[in-house]
Structures are given as structure tokens and as C-alpha cells.
C-alpha atoms as a PDB file:
ATOM      1  CA  UNK A   1     -13.230  -6.411   3.300  1.00  0.00           C
ATOM      2  CA  UNK A   2     -13.976  -2.866   4.431  1.00  0.00           C
ATOM      3  CA  UNK A   3     -17.069  -2.306   6.558  1.00  0.00           C
ATOM      4  CA  UNK A   4     -19.664   0.394   5.989  1.00  0.00           C
ATOM      5  CA  UNK A   5     -19.091   3.064   8.633  1.00  0.00           C
ATOM      6  CA  UNK A   6     -22.091   5.159   7.496  1.00  0.00           C
ATOM      7  CA  UNK A   7     -25.479   3.693   6.542  1.00  0.00           C
ATOM      8  CA  UNK A   8     -28.288   5.973   5.392  1.00  0.00           C
ATOM      9  CA  UNK A   9     -31.714   4.562   4.508  1.00  0.00           C
ATOM     10  CA  UNK A  10     -34.842   6.405   3.428  1.00  0.00           C
ATOM     11  CA  UNK A  11     -33.932   9.748   5.007  1.00  0.00           C
ATOM     12  CA  UNK A  12     -36.483  12.495   4.459  1.00  0.00           C
ATOM     13  CA  UNK A  13     -36.425  16.099   5.675  1.00  0.00           C
ATOM     14  CA  UNK A  14     -38.753  19.019   4.992  1.00  0.00           C
ATOM     15  CA  UNK A  15     -38.709  22.660   6.070  1.00  0.00           C
ATOM     16  CA  UNK A  16     -42.352  23.696   6.399  1.00  0.00           C
ATOM     17  CA  UNK A  17     -43.783  22.894   2.956  1.00  0.00           C
ATOM     18  CA  UNK A  18     -40.446  22.443   1.200  1.00  0.00           C
ATOM     19  CA  UNK A  19     -39.242  18.834   1.011  1.00  0.00           C
ATOM     20  CA  UNK A  20     -35.432  18.954   0.813  1.00  0.00           C
ATOM     21  CA  UNK A  21     -34.554  15.269   1.217  1.00  0.00           C
ATOM     22  CA  UNK A  22     -37.026  12.846  -0.352  1.00  0.00           C
ATOM     23  CA  UNK A  23     -35.710   9.425   0.640  1.00  0.00           C
ATOM     24  CA  UNK A  24     -31.915   9.436   0.598  1.00  0.00           C
ATOM     25  CA  UNK A  25     -30.049   6.114   0.578  1.00  0.00           C
ATOM     26  CA  UNK A  26     -26.296   5.467   0.560  1.00  0.00           C
ATOM     27  CA  UNK A  27     -23.475   3.695   2.388  1.00  0.00           C
ATOM     28  CA  UNK A  28     -19.908   4.847   3.036  1.00  0.00           C
ATOM     29  CA  UNK A  29     -16.965   2.473   3.410  1.00  0.00           C
ATOM     30  CA  UNK A  30     -14.488   2.965   6.229  1.00  0.00           C
ATOM     31  CA  UNK A  31     -11.160   4.661   5.521  1.00  0.00           C
ATOM     32  CA  UNK A  32     -11.877   6.359   2.205  1.00  0.00           C
ATOM     33  CA  UNK A  33     -13.040   9.697   0.810  1.00  0.00           C
ATOM     34  CA  UNK A  34     -16.739   9.893  -0.056  1.00  0.00           C
ATOM     35  CA  UNK A  35     -18.001  12.940  -1.952  1.00  0.00           C
ATOM     36  CA  UNK A  36     -21.608  14.092  -1.923  1.00  0.00           C
ATOM     37  CA  UNK A  37     -21.983  16.213  -5.032  1.00  0.00           C
ATOM     38  CA  UNK A  38     -24.824  18.601  -5.753  1.00  0.00           C
ATOM     39  CA  UNK A  39     -25.733  22.127  -6.747  1.00  0.00           C
ATOM     40  CA  UNK A  40     -26.544  24.887  -4.254  1.00  0.00           C
ATOM     41  CA  UNK A  41     -29.728  24.052  -2.359  1.00  0.00           C
ATOM     42  CA  UNK A  42     -29.578  20.350  -3.181  1.00  0.00           C
ATOM     43  CA  UNK A  43     -29.613  19.393   0.510  1.00  0.00           C
ATOM     44  CA  UNK A  44     -25.944  18.510   1.066  1.00  0.00           C
ATOM     45  CA  UNK A  45     -25.543  20.540   4.254  1.00  0.00           C
ATOM     46  CA  UNK A  46     -28.895  19.280   5.563  1.00  0.00           C
ATOM     47  CA  UNK A  47     -27.678  15.697   5.109  1.00  0.00           C
ATOM     48  CA  UNK A  48     -24.421  16.398   6.929  1.00  0.00           C
ATOM     49  CA  UNK A  49     -26.240  18.130   9.799  1.00  0.00           C
ATOM     50  CA  UNK A  50     -28.470  15.085  10.215  1.00  0.00           C
ATOM     51  CA  UNK A  51     -25.479  12.718  10.305  1.00  0.00           C
ATOM     52  CA  UNK A  52     -23.681  14.992  12.778  1.00  0.00           C
ATOM     53  CA  UNK A  53     -26.713  14.927  15.152  1.00  0.00           C
ATOM     54  CA  UNK A  54     -27.351  18.662  14.684  1.00  0.00           C
ATOM     55  CA  UNK A  55     -30.671  18.137  12.911  1.00  0.00           C
ATOM     56  CA  UNK A  56     -33.349  15.441  13.122  1.00  0.00           C
ATOM     57  CA  UNK A  57     -34.595  13.670  10.028  1.00  0.00           C
ATOM     58  CA  UNK A  58     -38.375  13.437   9.618  1.00  0.00           C
ATOM     59  CA  UNK A  59     -38.118   9.756   8.731  1.00  0.00           C
ATOM     60  CA  UNK A  60     -35.425   7.230   7.864  1.00  0.00           C
ATOM     61  CA  UNK A  61     -32.511   5.397   9.437  1.00  0.00           C
ATOM     62  CA  UNK A  62     -29.058   6.896  10.130  1.00  0.00           C
ATOM     63  CA  UNK A  63     -26.281   4.654  11.458  1.00  0.00           C
ATOM     64  CA  UNK A  64     -22.876   6.257  12.088  1.00  0.00           C
ATOM     65  CA  UNK A  65     -19.943   4.106  13.250  1.00  0.00           C
ATOM     66  CA  UNK A  66     -22.402   1.442  14.402  1.00  0.00           C
ATOM     67  CA  UNK A  67     -24.553   3.868  16.408  1.00  0.00           C
ATOM     68  CA  UNK A  68     -28.143   4.896  15.703  1.00  0.00           C
ATOM     69  CA  UNK A  69     -28.502   8.671  15.458  1.00  0.00           C
ATOM     70  CA  UNK A  70     -31.794   8.588  17.386  1.00  0.00           C
ATOM     71  CA  UNK A  71     -30.693   6.245  20.193  1.00  0.00           C
ATOM     72  CA  UNK A  72     -26.982   7.051  20.615  1.00  0.00           C
ATOM     73  CA  UNK A  73     -26.275  10.654  19.519  1.00  0.00           C
ATOM     74  CA  UNK A  74     -23.625  11.065  22.234  1.00  0.00           C
ATOM     75  CA  UNK A  75     -21.631   8.083  20.992  1.00  0.00           C
ATOM     76  CA  UNK A  76     -21.783   9.461  17.452  1.00  0.00           C
ATOM     77  CA  UNK A  77     -20.520  12.884  18.547  1.00  0.00           C
ATOM     78  CA  UNK A  78     -17.581  11.175  20.245  1.00  0.00           C
ATOM     79  CA  UNK A  79     -16.464   9.542  16.995  1.00  0.00           C
ATOM     80  CA  UNK A  80     -16.957  12.352  14.459  1.00  0.00           C
ATOM     81  CA  UNK A  81     -15.779  15.856  13.685  1.00  0.00           C
ATOM     82  CA  UNK A  82     -17.427  18.505  11.519  1.00  0.00           C
ATOM     83  CA  UNK A  83     -15.770  21.307   9.571  1.00  0.00           C
ATOM     84  CA  UNK A  84     -18.252  23.725   8.022  1.00  0.00           C
ATOM     85  CA  UNK A  85     -18.045  25.946   4.963  1.00  0.00           C
ATOM     86  CA  UNK A  86     -16.271  28.685   6.888  1.00  0.00           C
ATOM     87  CA  UNK A  87     -13.398  28.224   9.320  1.00  0.00           C
ATOM     88  CA  UNK A  88     -14.701  28.104  12.922  1.00  0.00           C
ATOM     89  CA  UNK A  89     -11.653  29.479  14.674  1.00  0.00           C
ATOM     90  CA  UNK A  90     -10.921  32.223  17.188  1.00  0.00           C
ATOM     91  CA  UNK A  91      -8.868  34.811  15.307  1.00  0.00           C
ATOM     92  CA  UNK A  92      -7.660  36.488  18.508  1.00  0.00           C
ATOM     93  CA  UNK A  93      -5.938  33.283  19.665  1.00  0.00           C
ATOM     94  CA  UNK A  94      -2.849  31.767  18.055  1.00  0.00           C
ATOM     95  CA  UNK A  95      -3.069  28.593  15.998  1.00  0.00           C
ATOM     96  CA  UNK A  96      -1.574  26.626  18.885  1.00  0.00           C
ATOM     97  CA  UNK A  97      -4.056  28.065  21.387  1.00  0.00           C
ATOM     98  CA  UNK A  98      -6.999  27.174  19.128  1.00  0.00           C
ATOM     99  CA  UNK A  99      -5.929  23.528  19.012  1.00  0.00           C
ATOM    100  CA  UNK A 100      -5.256  23.456  22.766  1.00  0.00           C
ATOM    101  CA  UNK A 101      -8.729  24.884  23.420  1.00  0.00           C
ATOM    102  CA  UNK A 102     -10.418  22.100  21.428  1.00  0.00           C
ATOM    103  CA  UNK A 103      -8.287  19.463  23.204  1.00  0.00           C
ATOM    104  CA  UNK A 104      -9.434  20.830  26.570  1.00  0.00           C
ATOM    105  CA  UNK A 105     -13.075  20.879  25.445  1.00  0.00           C
ATOM    106  CA  UNK A 106     -12.681  17.212  24.491  1.00  0.00           C
ATOM    107  CA  UNK A 107     -11.252  16.574  27.992  1.00  0.00           C
ATOM    108  CA  UNK A 108      -7.956  15.231  26.660  1.00  0.00           C
ATOM    109  CA  UNK A 109      -5.226  14.814  29.296  1.00  0.00           C
ATOM    110  CA  UNK A 110      -2.325  16.421  27.404  1.00  0.00           C
ATOM    111  CA  UNK A 111      -3.660  19.340  25.320  1.00  0.00           C
ATOM    112  CA  UNK A 112      -0.183  20.836  24.795  1.00  0.00           C
ATOM    113  CA  UNK A 113       1.149  17.562  23.408  1.00  0.00           C
ATOM    114  CA  UNK A 114      -1.904  17.182  21.165  1.00  0.00           C
ATOM    115  CA  UNK A 115      -1.301  20.675  19.771  1.00  0.00           C
ATOM    116  CA  UNK A 116       2.409  19.997  19.202  1.00  0.00           C
ATOM    117  CA  UNK A 117       1.674  16.788  17.281  1.00  0.00           C
ATOM    118  CA  UNK A 118      -0.944  18.384  15.002  1.00  0.00           C
ATOM    119  CA  UNK A 119       1.190  21.479  14.389  1.00  0.00           C
ATOM    120  CA  UNK A 120       4.022  19.207  13.289  1.00  0.00           C
ATOM    121  CA  UNK A 121       1.755  17.000  11.180  1.00  0.00           C
ATOM    122  CA  UNK A 122       0.272  19.968   9.318  1.00  0.00           C
ATOM    123  CA  UNK A 123       3.578  21.804   8.875  1.00  0.00           C
ATOM    124  CA  UNK A 124       2.473  24.855  10.818  1.00  0.00           C
ATOM    125  CA  UNK A 125       5.470  25.338  13.136  1.00  0.00           C
ATOM    126  CA  UNK A 126       6.372  28.784  11.778  1.00  0.00           C
ATOM    127  CA  UNK A 127       2.825  30.178  12.092  1.00  0.00           C
ATOM    128  CA  UNK A 128       1.617  28.298  15.173  1.00  0.00           C
ATOM    129  CA  UNK A 129       2.330  31.090  17.643  1.00  0.00           C
ATOM    130  CA  UNK A 130       0.926  33.905  15.531  1.00  0.00           C
ATOM    131  CA  UNK A 131      -2.614  35.176  15.941  1.00  0.00           C
ATOM    132  CA  UNK A 132      -4.961  33.401  13.526  1.00  0.00           C
ATOM    133  CA  UNK A 133      -6.230  36.792  12.359  1.00  0.00           C
ATOM    134  CA  UNK A 134      -2.918  37.210  10.494  1.00  0.00           C
ATOM    135  CA  UNK A 135      -3.287  33.907   8.593  1.00  0.00           C
ATOM    136  CA  UNK A 136      -4.106  33.540   4.905  1.00  0.00           C
ATOM    137  CA  UNK A 137      -7.342  31.817   3.880  1.00  0.00           C
ATOM    138  CA  UNK A 138      -5.518  28.560   3.162  1.00  0.00           C
ATOM    139  CA  UNK A 139      -3.716  28.620   6.515  1.00  0.00           C
ATOM    140  CA  UNK A 140      -6.993  29.283   8.366  1.00  0.00           C
ATOM    141  CA  UNK A 141      -8.535  26.275   6.677  1.00  0.00           C
ATOM    142  CA  UNK A 142      -5.485  24.206   7.527  1.00  0.00           C
ATOM    143  CA  UNK A 143      -5.724  25.055  11.243  1.00  0.00           C
ATOM    144  CA  UNK A 144      -9.492  24.463  11.094  1.00  0.00           C
ATOM    145  CA  UNK A 145      -8.994  20.928   9.762  1.00  0.00           C
ATOM    146  CA  UNK A 146      -6.220  20.310  12.303  1.00  0.00           C
ATOM    147  CA  UNK A 147      -8.660  21.256  15.072  1.00  0.00           C
ATOM    148  CA  UNK A 148     -11.143  18.762  13.607  1.00  0.00           C
ATOM    149  CA  UNK A 149      -8.627  15.953  14.145  1.00  0.00           C
ATOM    150  CA  UNK A 150      -8.233  16.559  17.878  1.00  0.00           C
ATOM    151  CA  UNK A 151      -9.196  13.321  19.613  1.00  0.00           C
ATOM    152  CA  UNK A 152      -8.628  11.194  16.492  1.00  0.00           C
ATOM    153  CA  UNK A 153     -12.243  11.032  15.235  1.00  0.00           C
ATOM    154  CA  UNK A 154     -13.076   8.077  13.026  1.00  0.00           C
ATOM    155  CA  UNK A 155     -15.106  10.228  10.640  1.00  0.00           C
ATOM    156  CA  UNK A 156     -14.530  13.826   9.581  1.00  0.00           C
ATOM    157  CA  UNK A 157     -17.283  15.704   7.776  1.00  0.00           C
ATOM    158  CA  UNK A 158     -16.050  18.475   5.478  1.00  0.00           C
ATOM    159  CA  UNK A 159     -18.887  20.668   4.250  1.00  0.00           C
ATOM    160  CA  UNK A 160     -17.657  22.487   1.119  1.00  0.00           C
ATOM    161  CA  UNK A 161     -14.181  23.023   2.628  1.00  0.00           C
ATOM    162  CA  UNK A 162     -12.756  25.087  -0.248  1.00  0.00           C
ATOM    163  CA  UNK A 163     -15.568  27.641  -0.551  1.00  0.00           C
ATOM    164  CA  UNK A 164     -14.046  31.097  -1.064  1.00  0.00           C
ATOM    165  CA  UNK A 165     -10.443  29.908  -1.317  1.00  0.00           C
ATOM    166  CA  UNK A 166      -8.043  30.920  -4.086  1.00  0.00           C
ATOM    167  CA  UNK A 167      -6.537  28.231  -6.389  1.00  0.00           C
ATOM    168  CA  UNK A 168      -3.340  27.806  -4.338  1.00  0.00           C
ATOM    169  CA  UNK A 169      -5.219  27.437  -1.059  1.00  0.00           C
ATOM    170  CA  UNK A 170      -7.668  24.998  -2.648  1.00  0.00           C
ATOM    171  CA  UNK A 171      -4.838  22.736  -3.816  1.00  0.00           C
ATOM    172  CA  UNK A 172      -3.355  22.918  -0.323  1.00  0.00           C
ATOM    173  CA  UNK A 173      -6.651  21.733   1.200  1.00  0.00           C
ATOM    174  CA  UNK A 174      -6.879  18.924  -1.356  1.00  0.00           C
ATOM    175  CA  UNK A 175      -3.447  17.700  -0.290  1.00  0.00           C
ATOM    176  CA  UNK A 176      -4.469  17.710   3.380  1.00  0.00           C
ATOM    177  CA  UNK A 177      -7.703  15.822   2.670  1.00  0.00           C
ATOM    178  CA  UNK A 178      -5.847  13.121   0.731  1.00  0.00           C
ATOM    179  CA  UNK A 179      -3.414  12.683   3.621  1.00  0.00           C
ATOM    180  CA  UNK A 180      -6.201  12.254   6.198  1.00  0.00           C
ATOM    181  CA  UNK A 181      -7.108   8.784   4.998  1.00  0.00           C
ATOM    182  CA  UNK A 182      -3.542   7.500   5.438  1.00  0.00           C
ATOM    183  CA  UNK A 183      -4.238   7.257   9.181  1.00  0.00           C
ATOM    184  CA  UNK A 184      -7.541   5.430   8.652  1.00  0.00           C
ATOM    185  CA  UNK A 185      -9.821   8.459   8.957  1.00  0.00           C
ATOM    186  CA  UNK A 186     -13.003   8.331   6.870  1.00  0.00           C
ATOM    187  CA  UNK A 187     -13.658  11.617   5.064  1.00  0.00           C
ATOM    188  CA  UNK A 188     -17.182  12.622   4.053  1.00  0.00           C
ATOM    189  CA  UNK A 189     -16.968  15.602   1.726  1.00  0.00           C
ATOM    190  CA  UNK A 190     -19.699  17.776   0.262  1.00  0.00           C
ATOM    191  CA  UNK A 191     -18.901  19.972  -2.708  1.00  0.00           C
ATOM    192  CA  UNK A 192     -20.449  21.720  -5.673  1.00  0.00           C
ATOM    193  CA  UNK A 193     -17.115  21.717  -7.509  1.00  0.00           C
ATOM    194  CA  UNK A 194     -16.938  18.850  -9.987  1.00  0.00           C
ATOM    195  CA  UNK A 195     -13.145  18.956 -10.175  1.00  0.00           C
ATOM    196  CA  UNK A 196     -12.877  18.675  -6.386  1.00  0.00           C
ATOM    197  CA  UNK A 197     -14.850  15.427  -6.306  1.00  0.00           C
ATOM    198  CA  UNK A 198     -12.877  14.160  -9.304  1.00  0.00           C
ATOM    199  CA  UNK A 199      -9.526  14.826  -7.623  1.00  0.00           C
ATOM    200  CA  UNK A 200     -10.338  13.524  -4.151  1.00  0.00           C
ATOM    201  CA  UNK A 201     -13.114  10.978  -3.939  1.00  0.00           C
ATOM    202  CA  UNK A 202     -13.005   7.187  -3.943  1.00  0.00           C
ATOM    203  CA  UNK A 203     -16.786   7.158  -4.289  1.00  0.00           C
ATOM    204  CA  UNK A 204     -19.075   9.914  -5.560  1.00  0.00           C
ATOM    205  CA  UNK A 205     -22.794  10.308  -4.898  1.00  0.00           C
ATOM    206  CA  UNK A 206     -24.902  12.832  -6.801  1.00  0.00           C
ATOM    207  CA  UNK A 207     -27.753  14.404  -4.825  1.00  0.00           C
ATOM    208  CA  UNK A 208     -30.443  15.920  -7.038  1.00  0.00           C
ATOM    209  CA  UNK A 209     -34.133  16.508  -6.523  1.00  0.00           C
ATOM    210  CA  UNK A 210     -33.865  15.314  -2.924  1.00  0.00           C
ATOM    211  CA  UNK A 211     -32.532  11.865  -3.836  1.00  0.00           C
ATOM    212  CA  UNK A 212     -29.279  10.133  -4.711  1.00  0.00           C
ATOM    213  CA  UNK A 213     -29.527   9.673  -8.470  1.00  0.00           C
ATOM    214  CA  UNK A 214     -26.064   8.124  -8.974  1.00  0.00           C
ATOM    215  CA  UNK A 215     -23.408   6.556  -6.738  1.00  0.00           C
ATOM    216  CA  UNK A 216     -20.172   4.988  -7.984  1.00  0.00           C
ATOM    217  CA  UNK A 217     -16.468   5.491  -8.473  1.00  0.00           C
ATOM    218  CA  UNK A 218     -15.420   8.130 -10.994  1.00  0.00           C
ATOM    219  CA  UNK A 219     -14.670   5.402 -13.523  1.00  0.00           C
ATOM    220  CA  UNK A 220     -18.066   3.847 -12.909  1.00  0.00           C
ATOM    221  CA  UNK A 221     -19.847   7.166 -13.423  1.00  0.00           C
ATOM    222  CA  UNK A 222     -17.955   7.741 -16.679  1.00  0.00           C
ATOM    223  CA  UNK A 223     -19.437   4.501 -18.025  1.00  0.00           C
ATOM    224  CA  UNK A 224     -22.913   6.025 -17.734  1.00  0.00           C
ATOM    225  CA  UNK A 225     -22.062   8.273 -20.682  1.00  0.00           C
ATOM    226  CA  UNK A 226     -21.859   7.219 -24.341  1.00  0.00           C
ATOM    227  CA  UNK A 227     -18.345   6.275 -25.561  1.00  0.00           C
ATOM    228  CA  UNK A 228     -16.248   9.369 -26.148  1.00  0.00           C
ATOM    229  CA  UNK A 229     -15.577  10.358 -29.739  1.00  0.00           C
ATOM    230  CA  UNK A 230     -11.832  10.534 -30.321  1.00  0.00           C
ATOM    231  CA  UNK A 231     -10.729  13.850 -31.756  1.00  0.00           C
ATOM    232  CA  UNK A 232      -7.251  15.309 -32.045  1.00  0.00           C
ATOM    233  CA  UNK A 233      -7.260  18.907 -30.943  1.00  0.00           C
ATOM    234  CA  UNK A 234      -4.667  21.184 -29.423  1.00  0.00           C
ATOM    235  CA  UNK A 235      -5.030  21.203 -25.642  1.00  0.00           C
ATOM    236  CA  UNK A 236      -5.321  24.723 -24.310  1.00  0.00           C
ATOM    237  CA  UNK A 237      -4.131  25.415 -20.748  1.00  0.00           C
ATOM    238  CA  UNK A 238      -6.809  26.283 -18.221  1.00  0.00           C
ATOM    239  CA  UNK A 239      -6.728  29.619 -16.424  1.00  0.00           C
ATOM    240  CA  UNK A 240      -5.914  27.743 -13.222  1.00  0.00           C
ATOM    241  CA  UNK A 241      -2.869  26.103 -14.844  1.00  0.00           C
ATOM    242  CA  UNK A 242      -1.702  29.486 -16.160  1.00  0.00           C
ATOM    243  CA  UNK A 243      -2.159  31.126 -12.755  1.00  0.00           C
ATOM    244  CA  UNK A 244      -0.281  28.429 -10.836  1.00  0.00           C
ATOM    245  CA  UNK A 245       2.539  28.356 -13.400  1.00  0.00           C
ATOM    246  CA  UNK A 246       3.003  32.123 -13.213  1.00  0.00           C
ATOM    247  CA  UNK A 247       2.919  32.054  -9.414  1.00  0.00           C
ATOM    248  CA  UNK A 248       5.483  29.247  -9.413  1.00  0.00           C
ATOM    249  CA  UNK A 249       7.817  31.248 -11.686  1.00  0.00           C
ATOM    250  CA  UNK A 250       7.457  34.299  -9.450  1.00  0.00           C
ATOM    251  CA  UNK A 251       8.423  32.239  -6.411  1.00  0.00           C
ATOM    252  CA  UNK A 252      11.501  30.878  -8.213  1.00  0.00           C
ATOM    253  CA  UNK A 253      12.756  34.447  -8.741  1.00  0.00           C
END
């Protein structure tokens, strides 16, 4: 039976007179992908910042990997990694140098070896020695996530990782996220894109009005709706499907 690697109970947070989190409760199982879904301003980033020890909750209990966020913030930081909405990378350095820098900051003994392994794992050999400033948006996000895995953190927080990416780059990030859990990493994902949560998450929590109003698997959430009425209609392709098909045909030529 999987253990709960994240336990959140009664978390509240206000900014001056605005109460953002009004008693948030949820648990996250080890080794899966958990999506926190909500509209802009729902408090998703605030919740992640609290779990990552960057922000203090007003009240409530936060246990990450067995450690209390109030009593053992250092132990929590040693077992997590956080990737924000925008890639936090040095565009003057190469991809390889960015990874080596993080390995040195984490005081790892063989930063060059760490970089080589992650470059190979993420299929970045051809671009690794180019300056990051020449990378596409998808490649920048790829190197950003690779940097997050330096030191083999047990939990990786991804705060809206596909914000601003084009459809191809978004699918590339989805593939990377799915692969992360194969090594036992727990992924905590925030997103405002419904399709993203649908494609990736084992469990989905909906944050609305400062509270978790639903938490279940996708199949479980579907059962909250009335039975679907069966109708036979011609399925029209989405714009995304059209775009990716056209791009694929162009590449074939």
C-alpha cells in the first residue's frame, strides 16, 4: 500500500484582508502525479509556496515526506524541487553548465557526471553545449525540469509548467512529466488547463473559493455528473489536432 508523502490539514492563508486559503485539506500518495486544478487567483501557487517552505501558512498542518514544515524546513528542502511558471535558467550558460551549477549548489560530488546522466535521460545531447538563450520554449522547459531532478528529489512541484508554451512544446512537457514517476518521483502539478490534468494526473483536486471542493481520480470525478446522454454526431477535429497533423506532414516532407 502506498504511503501519503504529503499531508495537508486545515491550511489557511490571508494577504492583509484577503483570505486566499480558507482551510485546505488533502493528501498525496507517493509515486504518482497529483494535479491541483483551479482558475487564476484560486491560490494554487500560494499552496505550493507553503509546501516548499517559501511561505508560512497562518494556521494548519503541513507534512512533507514525513517532516513538519514548521519544525523541519531544512529536511523538506532537501527532499523536494520546485519548478515555477517560468523557466529559472541562466540563458548565458549552456544547458550542461546550468545542470552542473545546480549540482554544485547541492554539494554533489560529481557534478559533471550528474549533468551527463540528465542530458542523456532527457535526450538533450545535441543541444547541451549550446547557450540556453538559443533554445526553443519547449527545450528551455525541458532543461528546467532536468535541473529540478538534480539530487534525485522525492517530490517535484511543477507550478503551471506549460504556461506560454505552444502545442508541440506542451505535449513534450507532458511526456517528460509522465516519465518522471517511472523512477518513483512524486509529481505535484498545478494547472488551470483542464486537458492537462486529464492527460497527466492520477488524482485531481479542485481548489475553489479557498477550499478543496472535490478530490478524486478522473473517473471518480466523472461520476459526480449526471449520466451522459448518448448522441451520434460527427466528431470534428480540434484546432490542436489540425495543427499537430499539419506540422507532422511538414516534417515528413
